[in-house]
Protein backbone atom coordinates (compact mmCIF):
# COMPACT_ATOMS: atom_id res chain seq x y z
CA TRP A 1 -7.47 5.74 40.89
CA GLU A 2 -10.07 3.81 43.32
CA THR A 3 -9.40 5.58 46.59
CA GLY A 4 -8.50 9.11 45.43
CA TYR A 5 -5.09 10.86 44.95
CA SER A 6 -3.77 11.75 48.51
CA LYS A 7 -0.59 12.99 49.76
CA ASN A 8 0.69 9.65 50.30
CA SER A 9 -0.07 8.81 46.43
CA ARG A 10 3.24 10.66 45.45
CA SER A 11 6.45 9.40 44.68
CA ALA A 12 8.98 9.48 47.52
CA GLU A 13 11.41 11.01 45.00
CA ALA A 14 9.13 13.70 43.76
CA SER A 15 9.62 17.12 44.81
CA GLY A 16 8.18 20.58 44.42
CA LEU A 17 4.32 21.39 43.67
CA ASP A 18 2.52 18.02 43.25
CA LEU A 19 0.95 18.97 39.96
CA ASN A 20 -0.86 15.35 39.82
CA ARG A 21 -2.82 16.10 43.23
CA PHE A 22 -3.77 19.49 42.06
CA VAL A 23 -5.26 18.60 38.62
CA TRP A 24 -6.96 15.44 39.98
CA ARG A 25 -8.70 17.65 42.94
CA ARG A 26 -9.66 19.88 40.26
CA LYS A 27 -11.48 17.28 38.13
CA LEU A 28 -12.79 15.95 41.39
CA HIS A 29 -14.48 19.59 42.01
CA ALA A 30 -15.70 20.18 38.17
CA TRP A 31 -16.91 16.99 37.65
CA ARG A 32 -18.78 16.30 41.00
CA ASP A 33 -22.42 15.81 40.14
CA VAL A 34 -22.20 16.55 36.64
CA PRO A 35 -23.55 13.26 34.47
CA VAL A 36 -21.14 12.43 31.99
CA THR A 37 -21.15 9.79 29.28
CA HIS A 38 -17.61 8.23 29.66
CA VAL A 39 -16.64 5.95 26.54
CA GLY A 40 -13.70 3.38 26.85
CA PRO A 41 -12.17 1.20 24.33
CA SER A 42 -12.60 -1.69 26.47
CA ARG A 43 -14.97 -3.30 28.89
CA TRP A 44 -12.01 -3.26 31.46
CA MET A 45 -11.22 0.25 30.99
CA SER A 46 -15.18 1.37 31.04
CA GLU A 47 -15.19 -0.62 34.64
CA CYS A 48 -12.10 0.99 35.87
CA ALA A 49 -13.62 4.57 35.31
CA GLU A 50 -17.10 3.12 36.82
CA GLN A 51 -15.07 2.19 39.79
CA SER A 52 -12.77 5.14 40.17
CA LYS A 53 -13.11 7.70 43.04
CA LEU A 54 -13.55 10.36 40.35
CA TRP A 55 -16.61 8.80 38.69
CA LYS A 56 -18.09 6.25 41.64
CA GLY A 57 -21.60 7.11 42.38
CA SER A 58 -21.90 9.91 39.91
CA GLU A 59 -25.82 9.85 39.50
CA GLY A 60 -26.69 10.14 35.63
CA SER A 61 -23.19 9.10 34.13
CA ARG A 62 -23.19 6.41 31.83
CA PHE A 63 -20.35 4.10 30.83
CA GLU A 64 -19.95 2.90 27.01
CA VAL A 65 -17.64 0.81 25.16
CA ILE A 66 -16.44 1.71 21.68
CA PRO A 67 -13.26 -0.13 20.44
CA ASN A 68 -10.63 1.34 18.72
CA GLY A 69 -10.98 0.88 14.82
CA LEU A 70 -8.26 -0.37 12.20
CA ASN A 71 -8.58 0.05 8.26
CA PRO A 72 -9.29 -3.44 6.85
CA GLN A 73 -8.35 -2.45 3.08
CA VAL A 74 -4.79 -1.99 4.60
CA PHE A 75 -5.12 -4.86 7.75
CA ARG A 76 -6.05 -7.64 5.45
CA PRO A 77 -4.28 -10.78 5.23
CA TYR A 78 -1.31 -11.32 2.70
CA ASP A 79 0.23 -14.29 1.11
CA GLN A 80 2.47 -15.46 4.05
CA ARG A 81 5.42 -16.99 1.68
CA GLN A 82 5.30 -13.71 -0.63
CA ALA A 83 5.21 -11.17 2.41
CA ARG A 84 8.10 -13.28 4.15
CA GLU A 85 10.17 -13.13 0.44
CA GLU A 86 9.38 -9.12 0.33
CA LEU A 87 10.41 -8.71 3.96
CA GLY A 88 13.43 -10.85 3.72
CA LEU A 89 12.38 -13.06 6.89
CA SER A 90 13.08 -17.07 6.71
CA ALA A 91 10.71 -18.98 4.35
CA ASP A 92 10.80 -22.24 6.48
CA ALA A 93 11.08 -21.14 10.25
CA LYS A 94 8.32 -20.69 12.68
CA LEU A 95 8.06 -16.96 12.73
CA LEU A 96 7.16 -15.38 16.30
CA LEU A 97 6.55 -11.61 16.59
CA PHE A 98 6.70 -9.42 18.76
CA GLY A 99 5.78 -5.52 18.64
CA ALA A 100 5.13 -2.53 21.13
CA HIS A 101 5.23 1.44 21.06
CA SER A 102 8.27 0.52 23.31
CA VAL A 103 9.57 -3.12 23.20
CA SER A 104 11.56 -2.44 26.70
CA SER A 105 8.62 -1.27 28.60
CA SER A 106 7.94 -3.36 31.70
CA ILE A 107 4.00 -2.94 30.88
CA LYS A 108 4.43 -4.86 27.86
CA GLY A 109 6.08 -8.04 29.50
CA GLY A 110 9.45 -7.99 27.51
CA ASP A 111 10.93 -9.88 30.40
CA LEU A 112 8.24 -12.26 30.54
CA LEU A 113 8.67 -13.06 26.86
CA CYS A 114 12.02 -13.99 27.72
CA ASP A 115 10.84 -16.26 30.13
CA VAL A 116 8.37 -17.77 27.70
CA LEU A 117 11.29 -17.85 25.13
CA ASN A 118 13.54 -20.09 27.26
CA LEU A 119 10.84 -22.28 28.30
CA LEU A 120 9.66 -22.69 24.53
CA LYS A 121 13.31 -23.45 23.49
CA GLU A 122 13.40 -26.13 26.29
CA ASP A 123 10.05 -27.81 25.38
CA SER A 124 10.02 -27.56 21.65
CA GLY A 125 12.21 -28.81 18.70
CA ASP A 126 10.50 -25.84 16.36
CA ASP A 127 13.05 -23.89 14.36
CA CYS A 128 11.50 -20.65 15.79
CA GLN A 129 12.71 -17.39 14.41
CA LEU A 130 11.71 -14.17 16.25
CA VAL A 131 11.00 -10.66 14.98
CA THR A 132 10.34 -7.57 16.91
CA PHE A 133 9.44 -4.21 16.04
CA GLY A 134 8.88 -0.85 18.13
CA ALA A 135 11.21 1.54 19.86
CA GLY A 136 13.82 0.41 22.14
CA ALA A 137 16.04 -2.92 22.12
CA PHE A 138 14.67 -6.32 22.76
CA ASN A 139 17.53 -8.87 23.88
CA PRO A 140 15.79 -12.28 23.60
CA PRO A 141 18.16 -15.34 24.86
CA ALA A 142 21.02 -15.85 22.92
CA GLU A 143 20.26 -19.00 20.93
CA TYR A 144 17.25 -17.44 19.44
CA GLN A 145 17.36 -16.57 15.54
CA HIS A 146 16.40 -12.92 16.10
CA ARG A 147 15.91 -9.58 14.25
CA HIS A 148 14.57 -6.10 15.05
CA LEU A 149 13.11 -3.98 12.75
CA GLY A 150 12.67 -0.87 14.87
CA SER A 151 9.71 1.55 14.55
CA ILE A 152 7.36 0.69 11.68
CA SER A 153 5.20 3.92 10.34
CA ASP A 154 4.53 2.33 7.04
CA LEU A 155 1.24 0.40 7.84
CA GLU A 156 1.35 -1.76 4.68
CA TYR A 157 4.38 -2.72 5.78
CA LEU A 158 2.95 -3.59 9.07
CA ALA A 159 0.25 -5.75 7.73
CA LYS A 160 2.48 -7.70 5.88
CA LEU A 161 4.64 -8.30 8.99
CA TYR A 162 1.61 -9.74 10.67
CA SER A 163 0.90 -11.54 7.69
CA ALA A 164 4.32 -13.19 7.34
CA ALA A 165 4.07 -14.36 11.26
CA ASP A 166 2.79 -17.52 12.36
CA VAL A 167 1.91 -16.15 15.61
CA MET A 168 1.52 -12.91 17.27
CA LEU A 169 3.19 -12.89 20.84
CA ILE A 170 1.87 -10.29 23.37
CA PRO A 171 2.90 -10.82 26.90
CA SER A 172 1.55 -7.21 28.03
CA ARG A 173 0.62 -6.88 31.52
CA LEU A 174 -1.92 -4.51 30.82
CA GLU A 175 -3.66 -3.24 27.73
CA ALA A 176 -6.30 -0.45 27.69
CA PHE A 177 -7.35 -2.21 24.21
CA GLY A 178 -4.34 -4.04 22.61
CA GLN A 179 -4.09 -2.63 18.85
CA THR A 180 -1.51 -4.91 17.89
CA ALA A 181 -3.66 -7.86 18.76
CA SER A 182 -6.72 -6.66 16.61
CA GLU A 183 -4.50 -5.60 13.87
CA ALA A 184 -2.57 -9.04 13.72
CA LEU A 185 -6.14 -10.74 13.90
CA SER A 186 -7.18 -8.77 11.05
CA CYS A 187 -4.25 -9.93 8.90
CA GLY A 188 -4.99 -13.61 9.63
CA THR A 189 -2.51 -14.34 12.42
CA PRO A 190 -3.51 -15.85 15.84
CA VAL A 191 -2.65 -14.38 18.96
CA VAL A 192 -1.28 -15.40 22.20
CA CYS A 193 -1.90 -13.04 25.02
CA PHE A 194 -2.40 -13.08 28.97
CA ASP A 195 -5.65 -13.11 30.38
CA THR A 196 -5.71 -9.07 31.33
CA SER A 197 -7.48 -6.12 30.70
CA GLY A 198 -8.16 -5.34 27.27
CA LEU A 199 -7.18 -8.04 25.48
CA ARG A 200 -10.07 -10.17 26.63
CA ASP A 201 -12.49 -8.48 24.48
CA ILE A 202 -9.87 -8.89 21.34
CA VAL A 203 -8.43 -12.64 21.69
CA LEU A 204 -11.13 -15.15 21.87
CA HIS A 205 -9.77 -18.18 23.34
CA GLN A 206 -9.12 -21.15 21.52
CA ASN A 207 -10.78 -19.24 18.67
CA ASN A 208 -8.74 -16.90 17.21
CA GLY A 209 -5.93 -17.37 19.59
CA TYR A 210 -5.22 -18.10 23.17
CA ARG A 211 -5.15 -16.52 26.34
CA ALA A 212 -2.95 -17.56 28.94
CA GLU A 213 -3.51 -17.58 32.83
CA CYS A 214 -1.95 -14.29 34.07
CA TYR A 215 1.10 -14.35 34.26
CA ASP A 216 1.97 -17.82 33.82
CA CYS A 217 4.96 -18.25 31.56
CA SER A 218 4.14 -21.94 31.09
CA ASP A 219 0.53 -21.66 29.97
CA PHE A 220 1.68 -18.88 27.74
CA VAL A 221 3.99 -21.41 25.78
CA GLU A 222 1.24 -23.88 25.65
CA GLY A 223 -0.96 -21.22 23.96
CA VAL A 224 2.14 -20.88 21.16
CA ARG A 225 2.29 -24.76 20.68
CA TRP A 226 -1.63 -25.01 20.48
CA CYS A 227 -1.71 -21.73 17.82
CA LEU A 228 1.26 -23.30 15.85
CA ALA A 229 -0.56 -26.73 15.73
CA GLU A 230 -4.41 -25.50 15.47
CA PHE A 231 -3.26 -22.46 12.68
CA GLN A 232 -0.98 -24.06 10.28
CA SER A 233 -2.25 -21.99 7.58
CA GLY A 234 -3.31 -18.96 9.74
CA LEU A 235 -6.81 -18.16 10.61
CA ASP A 236 -9.64 -19.19 8.23
CA SER A 237 -11.58 -16.23 6.50
CA GLU A 238 -14.51 -16.47 8.96
CA GLN A 239 -12.28 -15.84 11.94
CA TRP A 240 -10.59 -12.84 10.40
CA GLU A 241 -13.49 -11.61 8.70
CA ALA A 242 -15.16 -11.27 12.15
CA THR A 243 -12.39 -9.12 13.47
CA HIS A 244 -13.06 -6.78 10.31
CA ALA A 245 -16.42 -6.61 11.62
CA ARG A 246 -15.89 -5.84 15.07
CA PHE A 247 -13.02 -3.26 14.37
CA SER A 248 -13.30 -1.62 11.06
CA THR A 249 -13.13 2.12 11.09
CA GLU A 250 -16.51 2.46 9.68
CA ASN A 251 -18.35 0.29 11.99
CA VAL A 252 -16.88 2.24 15.06
CA ALA A 253 -17.41 5.65 13.50
CA GLN A 254 -21.36 4.23 13.15
CA LYS A 255 -21.30 2.99 17.02
CA TYR A 256 -19.74 7.01 17.72
CA TYR A 257 -22.44 8.34 15.22
CA GLU A 258 -25.29 6.46 17.56
CA LEU A 259 -23.95 7.62 20.70
CA TYR A 260 -23.47 11.20 20.11
CA THR A 261 -27.12 11.49 18.42
CA GLY A 262 -28.47 9.40 21.51
CA GLU A 263 -27.26 12.21 23.44
CA ILE A 264 -28.32 14.80 21.52
CA ASP A 265 -32.10 13.34 21.72
CA ARG A 266 -31.31 12.85 25.36
CA ASP A 267 -30.40 16.37 26.32
CA VAL A 268 -33.42 17.58 24.16
């Protein structure tokens, strides 16, 4: 993306017409010298776009950041004990939550999470239960109590699941934004992640969660321990309300409205 798509960019296993290169060259031709306002959901995404071969040095182009939104009427804190009872989860265990569109994706860091869990088991006497959700299968260390809930489409159920957890674990290697992080924080649950990509805009280190050094599983474990000790009753109202203010669909829509009206005025 920084140097451009060349013949060497193609996978050695690929054959036939290189559609990726064809489309990339069409983009380069069509967008050359055309001022465009690019909107990314995180600072990291906008910085990547600005440094890309397609956009770098594009005169008149702008790079804005508007996050993905969420509905704070849905993603809000529920009583933890009641949520656990409704979902059939342990009332007493330290509940660690991990979820992704595909829990087996290497980008989502399932392999890193297994290393984290092994270290956490060695280092902590806490009675931990792991709950996961999303497509695919996740196989934690055998000694862990584990429940996989599969893909979840019911947003209220998902909000209650976030509320039931003690800590949301996001071991992703990359996130364009990090929707599960913003949703968990909106439900009053602290987040532990690596200090990477779009997650830097959402998780405020040792404020509403912990950003571990990339990709140091020992530091990630330190983050889990820190959150379990610091947020024994979850995030306080000021912390989750701040997340609502940053990511509510109403506020995100207002940012887009201001962007579009500004562009119209600029064109006129």
